[in-house]
Amino acid sequence: MSSSPAVQVRDLRVVRGGREVLHGLSFDVPRGRVLGLLGPSGCGKTTVMRALVGVQIVASGRVTVLGEDAGSPGLRDRVGYATQAPAVYGDLTVAENLRYFAAVLGAPRGDVDRVIDEVGLAGSRDQPVGTLSGGQHSRANLAVALLGAPELLVLDEPTVGLDPVLRQELWTLFRALADRGVTLIVSSHVMDEAGRTDRLLLMREGGILADGSPAELRERTGTADLEEAFLRLIAETGETAGSPA
């Protein structure tokens, strides 16, 4: 495994509608780690993720992914991206969607069965995606990101709408992927999920409020509860507290 970081972000600024929404962010993500992005709605988490996969216009700064500029053609089959809004086709079955995206990515056909099993959709493989529940729909979207052998997974709220048992199963999968050397960047509003990451970036209003492991953030704030840690960090900055959603 390369010793260079999977992701390097330097002075990233994004302006949208004449308003700066990311204010010069800089951070690195080592390979084989799980980084969590946590913060209130509208704080910039999804914008960061879009910049990492090269679909966000940036005002300045640089984003390097697996040694290449974000969005480079050579990264197409090395980076898996699951958006918060599912991007699968509702009139196709789960298996048909995955066969289509496997062909687009050049992934082995055998990957279809593998990822269906990994996300727990074996019983729904021949069901049109448009008839799935919200949680099943999210799992189908995640399955697309797992096709092939991505070295980096960028997952925007991948467990939203899922029951606690399935969330636990997916986090077991995420940890197994990291143990194999895959780097994961996961946004979440579920505080117990934040504690499963190797490192957290706590974001607020387009900036990084804190950066550290869950244990470090608990120690820094003198609390065992990550939600309370988040609120105390906000209080330190003199801002009005908001919910870490």
Foldseek 3Di string as FASTA:
>chain_A
DDAAFQKWWFQWWAADPNRIQAGGDTDTHHWLFEEEEWFDPSLCLVVVLCLQQPNGDTPDTFMAGNRHGHNDPVQLLQEFEFAPPADFDQQAFLLVRQCVLCVVNVFDNVLSVVLCVQQVNPVRRRPRLNPDDPQVSLSSSVSSSPTHLHQEYEYEASRPPHDPVSVVSNLVVVNVSSVVGRYYYYYHLDQVVLLSGQKYFYTGRNYTLDIGHLVVLCVVQVHPGVQVSSQSSCVVVVDDDDRTD
